[in-house]
Amino acid sequence: MVRPTKWRKIENLPHITHFVPSGPEASLSPGNVLKLEELEAIRLKDLMGLEQEECAEKMEVSRPTFQRILISAREKVADSLVNGKSIRIEGGNFTQNICPVRCLNCGKEWIESFENLEKIQNGEYLCSVCGSPKVICGKTCQNRACRKRCWRQGMTER
């Protein structure tokens, strides 16, 4: 049985998601699709200059998995540059931490991922320390970490 793919943590969603080379032959060749986790790997390793171990920790994957993601990304970018292909950035198996949350019962505060927002909203998500369902936006949120997508803004104790 195949193991399910682990979600890769990314910090930034790109504003520009399509790059097209200029020139008469540019539109003739098919483009490459760069997954969001591949872009994050390039950003962490090549742009920020972090060591692979640090990059893997930030993306919450093993170092060999990070290496495979980075190799795939570099191959696609190199193919696009050398052969005049476009690059489209989309898809992948990723998550983005978007909001600090806090337990009203014990006061524990942590960052929560997009995939658990619905569970928190429905009261199905429990604090890992005390088991309470009273989880709200953390006091440091102030709508910054959420990128103005915080559905819990202004919530009070349940």
N, C-alpha and C. Protein backbone atom coordinates (compact mmCIF):
# COMPACT_ATOMS: atom_id res chain seq x y z
N MET A 1 0.84 -1.18 0.00
CA MET A 1 0.00 0.00 0.00
C MET A 1 0.89 1.25 0.00
N VAL A 2 0.54 2.22 -0.79
CA VAL A 2 1.32 3.43 -0.93
C VAL A 2 1.03 4.37 0.24
N ARG A 3 2.09 4.97 0.76
CA ARG A 3 1.94 5.93 1.84
C ARG A 3 1.35 7.22 1.32
N PRO A 4 0.44 7.87 2.05
CA PRO A 4 -0.11 9.14 1.58
C PRO A 4 0.97 10.22 1.58
N THR A 5 0.88 11.15 0.64
CA THR A 5 1.85 12.23 0.54
C THR A 5 1.67 13.19 1.70
N LYS A 6 2.79 13.52 2.33
CA LYS A 6 2.76 14.45 3.46
C LYS A 6 2.65 15.88 2.95
N TRP A 7 1.85 16.70 3.63
CA TRP A 7 1.71 18.10 3.25
C TRP A 7 3.02 18.81 3.52
N ARG A 8 3.44 19.66 2.59
CA ARG A 8 4.66 20.44 2.74
C ARG A 8 4.29 21.85 3.18
N LYS A 9 4.98 22.36 4.16
CA LYS A 9 4.67 23.69 4.70
C LYS A 9 5.37 24.76 3.87
N ILE A 10 4.60 25.74 3.42
CA ILE A 10 5.17 26.87 2.70
C ILE A 10 4.81 28.16 3.43
N GLU A 11 5.67 29.17 3.27
CA GLU A 11 5.43 30.44 3.96
C GLU A 11 4.85 31.50 3.04
N ASN A 12 5.15 31.43 1.75
CA ASN A 12 4.75 32.50 0.84
C ASN A 12 3.98 31.96 -0.35
N LEU A 13 2.88 32.63 -0.67
CA LEU A 13 2.18 32.36 -1.92
C LEU A 13 2.62 33.42 -2.92
N PRO A 14 3.00 33.01 -4.12
CA PRO A 14 3.50 34.00 -5.08
C PRO A 14 2.40 34.90 -5.62
N HIS A 15 2.75 36.15 -5.88
CA HIS A 15 1.80 37.09 -6.49
C HIS A 15 1.78 36.90 -8.01
N ILE A 16 2.93 36.55 -8.56
CA ILE A 16 3.04 36.31 -10.00
C ILE A 16 3.17 34.80 -10.19
N THR A 17 2.28 34.23 -10.98
CA THR A 17 2.24 32.77 -11.11
C THR A 17 2.52 32.27 -12.52
N HIS A 18 2.91 33.16 -13.41
CA HIS A 18 3.16 32.73 -14.79
C HIS A 18 4.30 33.55 -15.38
N PHE A 19 5.29 32.87 -15.94
CA PHE A 19 6.42 33.52 -16.59
C PHE A 19 6.50 33.02 -18.02
N VAL A 20 6.59 33.94 -18.96
CA VAL A 20 6.62 33.58 -20.37
C VAL A 20 7.86 34.23 -21.01
N PRO A 21 8.68 33.45 -21.70
CA PRO A 21 9.85 34.03 -22.37
C PRO A 21 9.41 34.87 -23.57
N SER A 22 10.23 35.83 -23.92
CA SER A 22 9.91 36.62 -25.11
C SER A 22 10.64 36.02 -26.31
N GLY A 23 10.18 36.35 -27.48
CA GLY A 23 10.78 35.84 -28.70
C GLY A 23 9.77 35.12 -29.56
N PRO A 24 10.08 34.97 -30.85
CA PRO A 24 9.11 34.38 -31.78
C PRO A 24 8.81 32.90 -31.51
N GLU A 25 9.77 32.13 -31.01
CA GLU A 25 9.54 30.70 -30.78
C GLU A 25 8.98 30.41 -29.38
N ALA A 26 8.88 31.42 -28.54
CA ALA A 26 8.49 31.21 -27.14
C ALA A 26 7.11 30.58 -27.00
N SER A 27 6.17 30.97 -27.80
CA SER A 27 4.81 30.46 -27.63
C SER A 27 4.62 29.07 -28.22
N LEU A 28 5.60 28.57 -28.97
CA LEU A 28 5.46 27.26 -29.61
C LEU A 28 5.73 26.09 -28.67
N SER A 29 6.62 26.27 -27.70
CA SER A 29 6.98 25.15 -26.83
C SER A 29 6.07 25.10 -25.61
N PRO A 30 5.74 23.86 -25.16
CA PRO A 30 4.90 23.73 -23.97
C PRO A 30 5.67 24.18 -22.74
N GLY A 31 4.96 24.62 -21.73
CA GLY A 31 5.61 25.13 -20.52
C GLY A 31 5.76 24.08 -19.45
N ASN A 32 6.38 24.49 -18.36
CA ASN A 32 6.55 23.65 -17.18
C ASN A 32 5.65 24.15 -16.06
N VAL A 33 5.13 23.22 -15.28
CA VAL A 33 4.34 23.57 -14.11
C VAL A 33 5.21 23.35 -12.88
N LEU A 34 5.47 24.43 -12.16
CA LEU A 34 6.27 24.40 -10.94
C LEU A 34 5.30 24.38 -9.76
N LYS A 35 5.35 23.32 -8.95
CA LYS A 35 4.46 23.22 -7.79
C LYS A 35 4.87 24.25 -6.75
N LEU A 36 3.92 24.64 -5.91
CA LEU A 36 4.20 25.64 -4.89
C LEU A 36 5.28 25.19 -3.91
N GLU A 37 5.32 23.91 -3.58
CA GLU A 37 6.38 23.45 -2.67
C GLU A 37 7.75 23.46 -3.35
N GLU A 38 7.77 23.30 -4.69
CA GLU A 38 9.04 23.40 -5.41
C GLU A 38 9.54 24.84 -5.42
N LEU A 39 8.63 25.79 -5.60
CA LEU A 39 9.01 27.20 -5.53
C LEU A 39 9.52 27.54 -4.14
N GLU A 40 8.87 27.02 -3.10
CA GLU A 40 9.31 27.27 -1.73
C GLU A 40 10.70 26.70 -1.49
N ALA A 41 10.98 25.52 -2.04
CA ALA A 41 12.31 24.92 -1.89
C ALA A 41 13.38 25.80 -2.52
N ILE A 42 13.11 26.32 -3.73
CA ILE A 42 14.06 27.22 -4.39
C ILE A 42 14.22 28.50 -3.58
N ARG A 43 13.12 29.03 -3.06
CA ARG A 43 13.19 30.26 -2.27
C ARG A 43 14.06 30.08 -1.03
N LEU A 44 13.82 28.98 -0.31
CA LEU A 44 14.57 28.75 0.93
C LEU A 44 16.05 28.47 0.68
N LYS A 45 16.34 27.60 -0.27
CA LYS A 45 17.72 27.18 -0.51
C LYS A 45 18.50 28.19 -1.33
N ASP A 46 17.97 28.59 -2.47
CA ASP A 46 18.74 29.42 -3.40
C ASP A 46 18.62 30.92 -3.13
N LEU A 47 17.45 31.38 -2.71
CA LEU A 47 17.28 32.81 -2.48
C LEU A 47 17.70 33.20 -1.06
N MET A 48 17.24 32.44 -0.07
CA MET A 48 17.58 32.77 1.31
C MET A 48 18.92 32.19 1.74
N GLY A 49 19.43 31.19 1.01
CA GLY A 49 20.74 30.61 1.31
C GLY A 49 20.79 29.74 2.54
N LEU A 50 19.66 29.14 2.92
CA LEU A 50 19.64 28.27 4.09
C LEU A 50 20.26 26.92 3.77
N GLU A 51 20.74 26.23 4.79
CA GLU A 51 21.24 24.86 4.63
C GLU A 51 20.05 23.93 4.41
N GLN A 52 20.31 22.79 3.77
CA GLN A 52 19.21 21.86 3.46
C GLN A 52 18.47 21.40 4.71
N GLU A 53 19.19 21.17 5.79
CA GLU A 53 18.54 20.72 7.02
C GLU A 53 17.56 21.78 7.53
N GLU A 54 17.97 23.05 7.49
CA GLU A 54 17.09 24.14 7.90
C GLU A 54 15.87 24.23 6.98
N CYS A 55 16.10 24.09 5.69
CA CYS A 55 15.00 24.15 4.71
C CYS A 55 13.99 23.04 4.97
N ALA A 56 14.51 21.83 5.19
CA ALA A 56 13.64 20.68 5.45
C ALA A 56 12.82 20.90 6.72
N GLU A 57 13.43 21.46 7.75
CA GLU A 57 12.71 21.74 8.99
C GLU A 57 11.61 22.77 8.75
N LYS A 58 11.91 23.82 8.00
CA LYS A 58 10.90 24.86 7.73
C LYS A 58 9.73 24.30 6.94
N MET A 59 10.00 23.37 6.01
CA MET A 59 8.93 22.79 5.21
C MET A 59 8.29 21.57 5.88
N GLU A 60 8.86 21.17 7.03
CA GLU A 60 8.39 20.02 7.80
C GLU A 60 8.38 18.73 6.98
N VAL A 61 9.51 18.50 6.29
CA VAL A 61 9.72 17.25 5.55
C VAL A 61 11.11 16.74 5.90
N SER A 62 11.41 15.51 5.51
CA SER A 62 12.75 14.98 5.74
C SER A 62 13.74 15.64 4.78
N ARG A 63 15.02 15.55 5.11
CA ARG A 63 16.03 16.15 4.24
C ARG A 63 16.07 15.49 2.86
N PRO A 64 15.97 14.14 2.77
CA PRO A 64 15.92 13.53 1.43
C PRO A 64 14.70 13.97 0.62
N THR A 65 13.55 14.14 1.26
CA THR A 65 12.36 14.62 0.56
C THR A 65 12.59 16.05 0.07
N PHE A 66 13.19 16.88 0.92
CA PHE A 66 13.49 18.25 0.49
C PHE A 66 14.42 18.22 -0.72
N GLN A 67 15.42 17.36 -0.70
CA GLN A 67 16.37 17.25 -1.83
C GLN A 67 15.64 16.86 -3.11
N ARG A 68 14.70 15.93 -3.05
CA ARG A 68 13.95 15.52 -4.24
C ARG A 68 13.09 16.67 -4.77
N ILE A 69 12.46 17.42 -3.87
CA ILE A 69 11.64 18.57 -4.28
C ILE A 69 12.52 19.62 -4.96
N LEU A 70 13.68 19.90 -4.38
CA LEU A 70 14.60 20.90 -4.92
C LEU A 70 15.14 20.48 -6.28
N ILE A 71 15.51 19.23 -6.44
CA ILE A 71 16.02 18.74 -7.73
C ILE A 71 14.96 18.88 -8.80
N SER A 72 13.73 18.49 -8.49
CA SER A 72 12.63 18.59 -9.44
C SER A 72 12.42 20.05 -9.86
N ALA A 73 12.44 20.95 -8.89
CA ALA A 73 12.23 22.37 -9.17
C ALA A 73 13.34 22.92 -10.05
N ARG A 74 14.58 22.60 -9.72
CA ARG A 74 15.71 23.11 -10.51
C ARG A 74 15.70 22.58 -11.93
N GLU A 75 15.29 21.32 -12.11
CA GLU A 75 15.20 20.75 -13.46
C GLU A 75 14.17 21.51 -14.31
N LYS A 76 13.04 21.82 -13.71
CA LYS A 76 11.99 22.53 -14.45
C LYS A 76 12.43 23.96 -14.80
N VAL A 77 13.07 24.64 -13.86
CA VAL A 77 13.55 26.01 -14.13
C VAL A 77 14.63 25.98 -15.19
N ALA A 78 15.57 25.04 -15.10
CA ALA A 78 16.64 24.95 -16.09
C ALA A 78 16.07 24.63 -17.47
N ASP A 79 15.13 23.70 -17.55
CA ASP A 79 14.51 23.35 -18.83
C ASP A 79 13.82 24.58 -19.45
N SER A 80 13.14 25.34 -18.61
CA SER A 80 12.45 26.54 -19.11
C SER A 80 13.44 27.59 -19.61
N LEU A 81 14.52 27.80 -18.89
CA LEU A 81 15.51 28.80 -19.29
C LEU A 81 16.26 28.39 -20.55
N VAL A 82 16.69 27.16 -20.60
CA VAL A 82 17.49 26.69 -21.74
C VAL A 82 16.65 26.52 -22.99
N ASN A 83 15.43 26.00 -22.84
CA ASN A 83 14.60 25.68 -24.00
C ASN A 83 13.49 26.71 -24.27
N GLY A 84 13.51 27.82 -23.59
CA GLY A 84 12.54 28.88 -23.84
C GLY A 84 11.11 28.51 -23.53
N LYS A 85 10.89 27.77 -22.45
CA LYS A 85 9.54 27.36 -22.06
C LYS A 85 8.99 28.27 -20.98
N SER A 86 7.69 28.39 -20.94
CA SER A 86 7.05 29.18 -19.89
C SER A 86 7.03 28.38 -18.59
N ILE A 87 6.84 29.09 -17.49
CA ILE A 87 6.70 28.46 -16.17
C ILE A 87 5.38 28.93 -15.57
N ARG A 88 4.57 27.97 -15.14
CA ARG A 88 3.32 28.27 -14.45
C ARG A 88 3.45 27.69 -13.05
N ILE A 89 3.17 28.49 -12.04
CA ILE A 89 3.29 28.06 -10.64
C ILE A 89 1.90 27.77 -10.12
N GLU A 90 1.67 26.50 -9.75
CA GLU A 90 0.35 26.11 -9.23
C GLU A 90 0.40 24.72 -8.63
N GLY A 91 -0.54 24.44 -7.78
CA GLY A 91 -0.77 23.09 -7.26
C GLY A 91 0.29 22.59 -6.31
N GLY A 92 0.19 21.32 -6.00
CA GLY A 92 1.11 20.66 -5.10
C GLY A 92 0.42 20.22 -3.82
N ASN A 93 1.20 19.63 -2.94
CA ASN A 93 0.72 19.18 -1.64
C ASN A 93 1.31 20.09 -0.58
N PHE A 94 0.64 21.20 -0.30
CA PHE A 94 1.21 22.18 0.62
C PHE A 94 0.18 22.65 1.62
N THR A 95 0.67 23.21 2.69
CA THR A 95 -0.15 23.86 3.69
C THR A 95 0.51 25.18 4.03
N GLN A 96 -0.26 26.11 4.54
CA GLN A 96 0.28 27.39 4.96
C GLN A 96 -0.28 27.75 6.31
N ASN A 97 0.60 27.97 7.27
CA ASN A 97 0.12 28.41 8.59
C ASN A 97 -0.38 29.83 8.43
N ILE A 98 -1.63 30.04 8.77
CA ILE A 98 -2.18 31.36 8.53
C ILE A 98 -2.64 32.10 9.77
N CYS A 99 -2.67 31.47 10.92
CA CYS A 99 -3.21 32.17 12.07
C CYS A 99 -2.72 31.57 13.38
N PRO A 100 -2.26 32.42 14.30
CA PRO A 100 -1.99 31.91 15.64
C PRO A 100 -3.32 31.67 16.35
N VAL A 101 -3.40 30.59 17.10
CA VAL A 101 -4.61 30.29 17.85
C VAL A 101 -4.27 30.12 19.32
N ARG A 102 -5.28 30.25 20.17
CA ARG A 102 -5.07 30.19 21.61
C ARG A 102 -6.21 29.43 22.26
N CYS A 103 -5.86 28.62 23.24
CA CYS A 103 -6.86 27.91 24.03
C CYS A 103 -7.29 28.82 25.17
N LEU A 104 -8.59 29.04 25.27
CA LEU A 104 -9.12 29.89 26.34
C LEU A 104 -9.06 29.21 27.70
N ASN A 105 -8.96 27.89 27.71
CA ASN A 105 -8.95 27.14 28.95
C ASN A 105 -7.59 27.18 29.64
N CYS A 106 -6.52 26.82 28.88
CA CYS A 106 -5.19 26.73 29.50
C CYS A 106 -4.25 27.85 29.05
N GLY A 107 -4.62 28.61 28.01
CA GLY A 107 -3.79 29.73 27.56
C GLY A 107 -2.71 29.37 26.56
N LYS A 108 -2.59 28.09 26.18
CA LYS A 108 -1.57 27.70 25.21
C LYS A 108 -1.84 28.41 23.87
N GLU A 109 -0.76 28.89 23.22
CA GLU A 109 -0.89 29.56 21.93
C GLU A 109 0.03 28.86 20.92
N TRP A 110 -0.47 28.66 19.70
CA TRP A 110 0.31 28.01 18.65
C TRP A 110 -0.20 28.48 17.30
N ILE A 111 0.54 28.12 16.26
CA ILE A 111 0.16 28.45 14.88
C ILE A 111 -0.62 27.26 14.32
N GLU A 112 -1.74 27.53 13.65
CA GLU A 112 -2.57 26.47 13.11
C GLU A 112 -2.64 26.57 11.60
N SER A 113 -2.77 25.43 10.97
CA SER A 113 -2.77 25.36 9.51
C SER A 113 -4.17 25.52 8.93
N PHE A 114 -4.20 25.85 7.66
CA PHE A 114 -5.42 26.08 6.91
C PHE A 114 -6.35 24.87 6.97
N GLU A 115 -5.79 23.67 6.94
CA GLU A 115 -6.61 22.46 6.89
C GLU A 115 -7.45 22.27 8.15
N ASN A 116 -7.05 22.85 9.28
CA ASN A 116 -7.79 22.67 10.52
C ASN A 116 -8.76 23.80 10.84
N LEU A 117 -8.81 24.83 9.99
CA LEU A 117 -9.68 25.97 10.27
C LEU A 117 -11.15 25.58 10.41
N GLU A 118 -11.62 24.71 9.52
CA GLU A 118 -13.02 24.31 9.58
C GLU A 118 -13.32 23.53 10.85
N LYS A 119 -12.40 22.67 11.27
CA LYS A 119 -12.58 21.92 12.51
C LYS A 119 -12.66 22.86 13.71
N ILE A 120 -11.80 23.89 13.71
CA ILE A 120 -11.81 24.86 14.81
C ILE A 120 -13.13 25.61 14.82
N GLN A 121 -13.57 26.05 13.63
CA GLN A 121 -14.81 26.81 13.51
C GLN A 121 -16.00 26.01 14.01
N ASN A 122 -16.01 24.70 13.75
CA ASN A 122 -17.12 23.85 14.16
C ASN A 122 -17.00 23.34 15.60
N GLY A 123 -15.93 23.71 16.30
CA GLY A 123 -15.74 23.25 17.67
C GLY A 123 -15.27 21.82 17.76
N GLU A 124 -14.81 21.23 16.64
CA GLU A 124 -14.36 19.84 16.63
C GLU A 124 -12.87 19.72 16.95
N TYR A 125 -12.15 20.82 16.97
CA TYR A 125 -10.72 20.81 17.20
C TYR A 125 -10.47 21.02 18.69
N LEU A 126 -9.61 20.20 19.28
CA LEU A 126 -9.36 20.28 20.72
C LEU A 126 -7.93 20.73 20.99
N CYS A 127 -7.74 21.44 22.07
CA CYS A 127 -6.41 21.85 22.51
C CYS A 127 -5.59 20.60 22.82
N SER A 128 -4.34 20.56 22.38
CA SER A 128 -3.51 19.38 22.60
C SER A 128 -3.04 19.26 24.04
N VAL A 129 -3.11 20.33 24.82
CA VAL A 129 -2.66 20.30 26.21
C VAL A 129 -3.79 19.88 27.15
N CYS A 130 -4.94 20.58 27.07
CA CYS A 130 -6.02 20.33 28.03
C CYS A 130 -7.27 19.67 27.43
N GLY A 131 -7.33 19.56 26.09
CA GLY A 131 -8.47 18.92 25.45
C GLY A 131 -9.70 19.79 25.31
N SER A 132 -9.59 21.07 25.59
CA SER A 132 -10.73 21.97 25.51
C SER A 132 -11.05 22.35 24.06
N PRO A 133 -12.34 22.48 23.71
CA PRO A 133 -12.71 22.95 22.37
C PRO A 133 -12.74 24.48 22.27
N LYS A 134 -12.41 25.18 23.35
CA LYS A 134 -12.45 26.64 23.36
C LYS A 134 -11.17 27.22 22.77
N VAL A 135 -11.06 27.16 21.45
CA VAL A 135 -9.88 27.62 20.72
C VAL A 135 -10.28 28.82 19.87
N ILE A 136 -9.54 29.92 20.00
CA ILE A 136 -9.83 31.14 19.25
C ILE A 136 -8.55 31.69 18.65
N CYS A 137 -8.66 32.78 17.89
CA CYS A 137 -7.49 33.47 17.38
C CYS A 137 -6.60 33.89 18.54
N GLY A 138 -5.31 33.75 18.34
CA GLY A 138 -4.36 34.15 19.39
C GLY A 138 -4.30 35.65 19.55
N LYS A 139 -3.78 36.08 20.69
CA LYS A 139 -3.74 37.51 20.99
C LYS A 139 -2.77 38.26 20.08
N THR A 140 -1.82 37.57 19.45
CA THR A 140 -0.85 38.23 18.57
C THR A 140 -1.31 38.30 17.13
N CYS A 141 -2.48 37.76 16.83
CA CYS A 141 -2.95 37.68 15.45
C CYS A 141 -3.10 39.06 14.82
N GLN A 142 -3.98 39.86 15.34
CA GLN A 142 -4.27 41.20 14.84
C GLN A 142 -4.43 41.22 13.32
N ASN A 143 -4.92 40.11 12.77
CA ASN A 143 -5.24 39.99 11.36
C ASN A 143 -4.02 40.08 10.43
N ARG A 144 -2.79 40.06 10.99
CA ARG A 144 -1.59 40.12 10.14
C ARG A 144 -1.22 38.74 9.62
N ALA A 145 -1.08 37.78 10.52
CA ALA A 145 -0.65 36.44 10.12
C ALA A 145 -1.67 35.77 9.22
N CYS A 146 -2.93 36.16 9.35
CA CYS A 146 -3.99 35.56 8.57
C CYS A 146 -4.05 36.10 7.14
N ARG A 147 -3.34 37.14 6.88
CA ARG A 147 -3.40 37.81 5.58
C ARG A 147 -4.85 38.22 5.27
N LYS A 148 -5.53 38.73 6.29
CA LYS A 148 -6.90 39.24 6.19
C LYS A 148 -7.90 38.17 5.78
N ARG A 149 -7.60 36.88 6.10
CA ARG A 149 -8.53 35.80 5.81
C ARG A 149 -9.01 35.15 7.10
N CYS A 150 -8.88 35.83 8.21
CA CYS A 150 -9.20 35.24 9.50
C CYS A 150 -10.69 35.23 9.73
N TRP A 151 -11.32 34.08 9.64
CA TRP A 151 -12.75 33.95 9.84
C TRP A 151 -13.11 34.10 11.31
N ARG A 152 -12.11 34.01 12.21
CA ARG A 152 -12.37 34.09 13.64
C ARG A 152 -12.21 35.49 14.19
N GLN A 153 -11.92 36.46 13.34
CA GLN A 153 -11.69 37.82 13.81
C GLN A 153 -12.90 38.31 14.61
N GLY A 154 -12.64 38.80 15.78
CA GLY A 154 -13.71 39.33 16.62
C GLY A 154 -14.46 38.27 17.41
N MET A 155 -14.02 37.01 17.32
CA MET A 155 -14.71 35.95 18.06
C MET A 155 -14.46 36.11 19.56
N THR A 156 -15.38 35.70 20.35
CA THR A 156 -15.21 35.69 21.79
C THR A 156 -15.35 34.27 22.28
N GLU A 157 -15.26 34.09 23.55
CA GLU A 157 -15.32 32.75 24.12
C GLU A 157 -16.61 32.04 23.74
N ARG A 158 -16.49 30.77 23.41
CA ARG A 158 -17.65 29.97 23.02
C ARG A 158 -18.41 29.48 24.21
